[in-house]
């Protein structure tokens, strides 16, 4: 639990990178890349919402209020809503919009991360519930903006493929 509470978002980053590069035939790789970008956009959008919420509503963390020692080191910043839970729920929701299997796996991971944040003493259960709510809200907003999101995601993938092709040509030219 401690590892998930501390490193859950790093696990997501590693999984998103793996999804980005994994998949043959190329149509499967395209689905994975779309899911990874959708997840990233949705997760970041949820975290931006959290910044606004924390600006207007500050709740101290449980270890500050209850004078306990958490199982992990954490700054005494705003507790509500949980950034880890918001980000992981947004990542799961965004992934689910494009790839149900990836999104389901990420949702299970989001539940575990949310529980772990309470377990280690850095969040109240309501902080985690709030994080789930913000993550789901960001998912619904991204889903509602399907047309512009589709265009953005396809453009980002096309740009990546152009850059990747150019780098391959430069590398080939340097070897000869």
Protein backbone atom coordinates (compact mmCIF):
# COMPACT_ATOMS: atom_id res chain seq x y z
CA UNK A 1 0.00 0.00 0.00
CA UNK A 2 2.80 2.42 0.82
CA UNK A 3 4.33 1.94 -2.64
CA UNK A 4 1.02 2.69 -4.33
CA UNK A 5 0.43 5.74 -2.14
CA UNK A 6 3.84 7.17 -3.01
CA UNK A 7 4.49 5.93 -6.53
CA UNK A 8 1.07 5.30 -8.06
CA UNK A 9 1.34 8.10 -10.57
CA UNK A 10 4.80 6.89 -11.65
CA UNK A 11 3.25 3.49 -12.29
CA UNK A 12 0.68 5.20 -14.52
CA UNK A 13 3.44 7.05 -16.39
CA UNK A 14 5.29 3.80 -17.05
CA UNK A 15 2.10 2.08 -18.19
CA UNK A 16 1.18 4.96 -20.51
CA UNK A 17 4.64 4.84 -22.09
CA UNK A 18 4.36 1.08 -22.53
CA UNK A 19 0.94 1.48 -24.15
CA UNK A 20 2.31 4.20 -26.43
CA UNK A 21 4.96 1.91 -27.92
CA UNK A 22 3.18 -1.45 -27.66
CA UNK A 23 0.86 -2.90 -30.23
CA UNK A 24 1.07 -4.74 -33.50
CA UNK A 25 -0.54 -4.49 -35.97
CA UNK A 26 -0.34 -0.75 -36.31
CA UNK A 27 -4.10 -0.26 -35.81
CA UNK A 28 -3.74 -1.68 -32.27
CA UNK A 29 -0.83 0.68 -31.64
CA UNK A 30 -3.03 3.56 -32.87
CA UNK A 31 -5.77 2.61 -30.37
CA UNK A 32 -3.20 2.43 -27.56
CA UNK A 33 -1.77 5.83 -28.48
CA UNK A 34 -5.22 7.39 -28.63
CA UNK A 35 -6.05 5.87 -25.23
CA UNK A 36 -2.77 7.07 -23.70
CA UNK A 37 -3.31 10.63 -24.94
CA UNK A 38 -6.97 10.65 -23.91
CA UNK A 39 -5.94 9.43 -20.46
CA UNK A 40 -3.25 12.09 -20.12
CA UNK A 41 -5.53 14.92 -21.24
CA UNK A 42 -8.32 13.83 -18.91
CA UNK A 43 -6.00 13.35 -15.93
CA UNK A 44 -4.34 16.75 -16.38
CA UNK A 45 -7.74 18.42 -16.79
CA UNK A 46 -8.88 16.89 -13.50
CA UNK A 47 -5.75 18.12 -11.73
CA UNK A 48 -6.33 21.65 -13.06
CA UNK A 49 -9.82 21.52 -11.55
CA UNK A 50 -8.23 20.46 -8.24
CA UNK A 51 -6.01 23.55 -8.28
CA UNK A 52 -9.13 25.71 -8.49
CA UNK A 53 -10.90 23.79 -5.73
CA UNK A 54 -7.88 23.96 -3.40
CA UNK A 55 -7.64 27.70 -4.03
CA UNK A 56 -11.15 28.27 -2.67
CA UNK A 57 -11.47 25.42 -0.18
CA UNK A 58 -8.57 24.44 2.08
CA UNK A 59 -8.81 21.45 4.36
CA UNK A 60 -5.74 20.43 6.38
CA UNK A 61 -4.45 16.90 6.01
CA UNK A 62 -5.41 14.32 8.65
CA UNK A 63 -1.90 14.14 10.11
CA UNK A 64 -2.03 17.90 10.73
CA UNK A 65 -5.49 17.94 12.29
CA UNK A 66 -5.21 14.68 14.22
CA UNK A 67 -1.53 15.13 15.17
CA UNK A 68 -0.56 11.71 13.85
CA UNK A 69 2.49 10.56 11.92
CA UNK A 70 1.66 9.41 8.37
CA UNK A 71 3.32 6.31 6.95
CA UNK A 72 4.86 8.42 4.17
CA UNK A 73 6.37 11.88 4.18
CA UNK A 74 3.99 14.49 2.80
CA UNK A 75 3.74 18.27 2.75
CA UNK A 76 1.04 19.80 4.92
CA UNK A 77 -0.78 21.27 1.92
CA UNK A 78 -4.48 20.99 1.00
CA UNK A 79 -6.03 17.60 1.56
CA UNK A 80 -9.24 18.00 -0.45
CA UNK A 81 -9.64 16.70 -3.08
CA UNK A 82 -6.96 14.05 -3.43
CA UNK A 83 -4.71 14.86 -6.40
CA UNK A 84 -3.55 11.25 -6.68
CA UNK A 85 -7.12 9.99 -6.80
CA UNK A 86 -8.25 12.72 -9.19
CA UNK A 87 -5.35 12.12 -11.54
CA UNK A 88 -5.65 8.35 -11.48
CA UNK A 89 -9.43 8.45 -11.96
CA UNK A 90 -9.05 10.93 -14.82
CA UNK A 91 -6.40 8.71 -16.40
CA UNK A 92 -8.68 5.69 -16.04
CA UNK A 93 -11.69 7.49 -17.46
CA UNK A 94 -9.78 8.98 -20.37
CA UNK A 95 -8.28 5.60 -21.20
CA UNK A 96 -11.69 3.93 -20.97
CA UNK A 97 -13.09 6.32 -23.57
CA UNK A 98 -10.70 4.79 -26.14
CA UNK A 99 -9.78 1.32 -24.83
CA UNK A 100 -12.12 -0.40 -22.36
CA UNK A 101 -9.56 -2.99 -21.22
CA UNK A 102 -6.91 -0.37 -20.49
CA UNK A 103 -9.47 1.88 -18.77
CA UNK A 104 -10.78 -0.95 -16.60
CA UNK A 105 -7.26 -1.89 -15.49
CA UNK A 106 -6.51 1.76 -14.73
CA UNK A 107 -9.80 2.07 -12.78
CA UNK A 108 -8.82 -0.83 -10.52
CA UNK A 109 -5.46 0.84 -9.99
CA UNK A 110 -7.24 4.14 -9.20
CA UNK A 111 -9.35 2.44 -6.51
CA UNK A 112 -6.23 0.93 -4.95
CA UNK A 113 -4.41 4.26 -5.02
CA UNK A 114 -7.37 6.03 -3.43
CA UNK A 115 -7.54 3.45 -0.64
CA UNK A 116 -3.77 3.59 -0.13
CA UNK A 117 -3.83 7.39 0.35
CA UNK A 118 -6.24 6.97 3.27
CA UNK A 119 -4.32 3.95 4.59
CA UNK A 120 -1.03 5.87 4.87
CA UNK A 121 -2.74 8.78 6.64
CA UNK A 122 -2.41 11.59 4.11
CA UNK A 123 -6.11 11.83 3.17
CA UNK A 124 -9.54 11.52 4.69
CA UNK A 125 -11.94 9.14 2.91
CA UNK A 126 -13.95 12.16 1.71
CA UNK A 127 -10.80 13.59 0.06
CA UNK A 128 -10.57 10.41 -1.98
CA UNK A 129 -14.29 10.44 -2.80
CA UNK A 130 -13.90 14.06 -3.93
CA UNK A 131 -10.96 13.01 -6.09
CA UNK A 132 -13.04 10.26 -7.69
CA UNK A 133 -15.77 12.82 -8.36
CA UNK A 134 -13.43 15.34 -9.98
CA UNK A 135 -11.77 12.61 -12.05
CA UNK A 136 -15.16 11.39 -13.27
CA UNK A 137 -16.27 14.95 -14.00
CA UNK A 138 -13.15 15.55 -16.09
CA UNK A 139 -13.89 12.31 -17.96
CA UNK A 140 -17.44 13.45 -18.75
CA UNK A 141 -16.20 16.83 -19.97
CA UNK A 142 -13.61 15.23 -22.25
CA UNK A 143 -16.21 12.73 -23.51
CA UNK A 144 -18.63 15.59 -24.24
CA UNK A 145 -15.92 17.33 -26.27
CA UNK A 146 -15.39 14.22 -28.41
CA UNK A 147 -15.01 15.94 -31.79
CA UNK A 148 -12.32 18.46 -30.78
CA UNK A 149 -10.59 15.79 -28.66
CA UNK A 150 -10.52 13.37 -31.59
CA UNK A 151 -8.96 16.05 -33.77
CA UNK A 152 -6.39 17.02 -31.12
CA UNK A 153 -5.41 13.43 -30.40
CA UNK A 154 -5.07 12.48 -34.06
CA UNK A 155 -2.99 15.62 -34.71
CA UNK A 156 -0.67 14.85 -31.78
CA UNK A 157 -0.16 11.29 -33.02
CA UNK A 158 0.50 12.51 -36.58
CA UNK A 159 3.07 15.00 -35.26
CA UNK A 160 4.74 12.24 -33.23
CA UNK A 161 4.94 10.01 -36.29
CA UNK A 162 6.50 12.81 -38.38
CA UNK A 163 9.11 13.56 -35.72
CA UNK A 164 9.83 9.86 -35.24
CA UNK A 165 10.27 9.34 -39.00
CA UNK A 166 12.64 12.32 -39.25
CA UNK A 167 14.72 11.09 -36.34
CA UNK A 168 14.97 7.66 -37.97
CA UNK A 169 16.20 9.23 -41.21
CA UNK A 170 18.79 11.32 -39.34
CA UNK A 171 19.97 8.25 -37.44
CA UNK A 172 20.26 6.25 -40.69
CA UNK A 173 22.20 9.07 -42.36
CA UNK A 174 24.63 9.26 -39.42
CA UNK A 175 25.32 5.52 -39.60
CA UNK A 176 26.24 5.61 -43.31
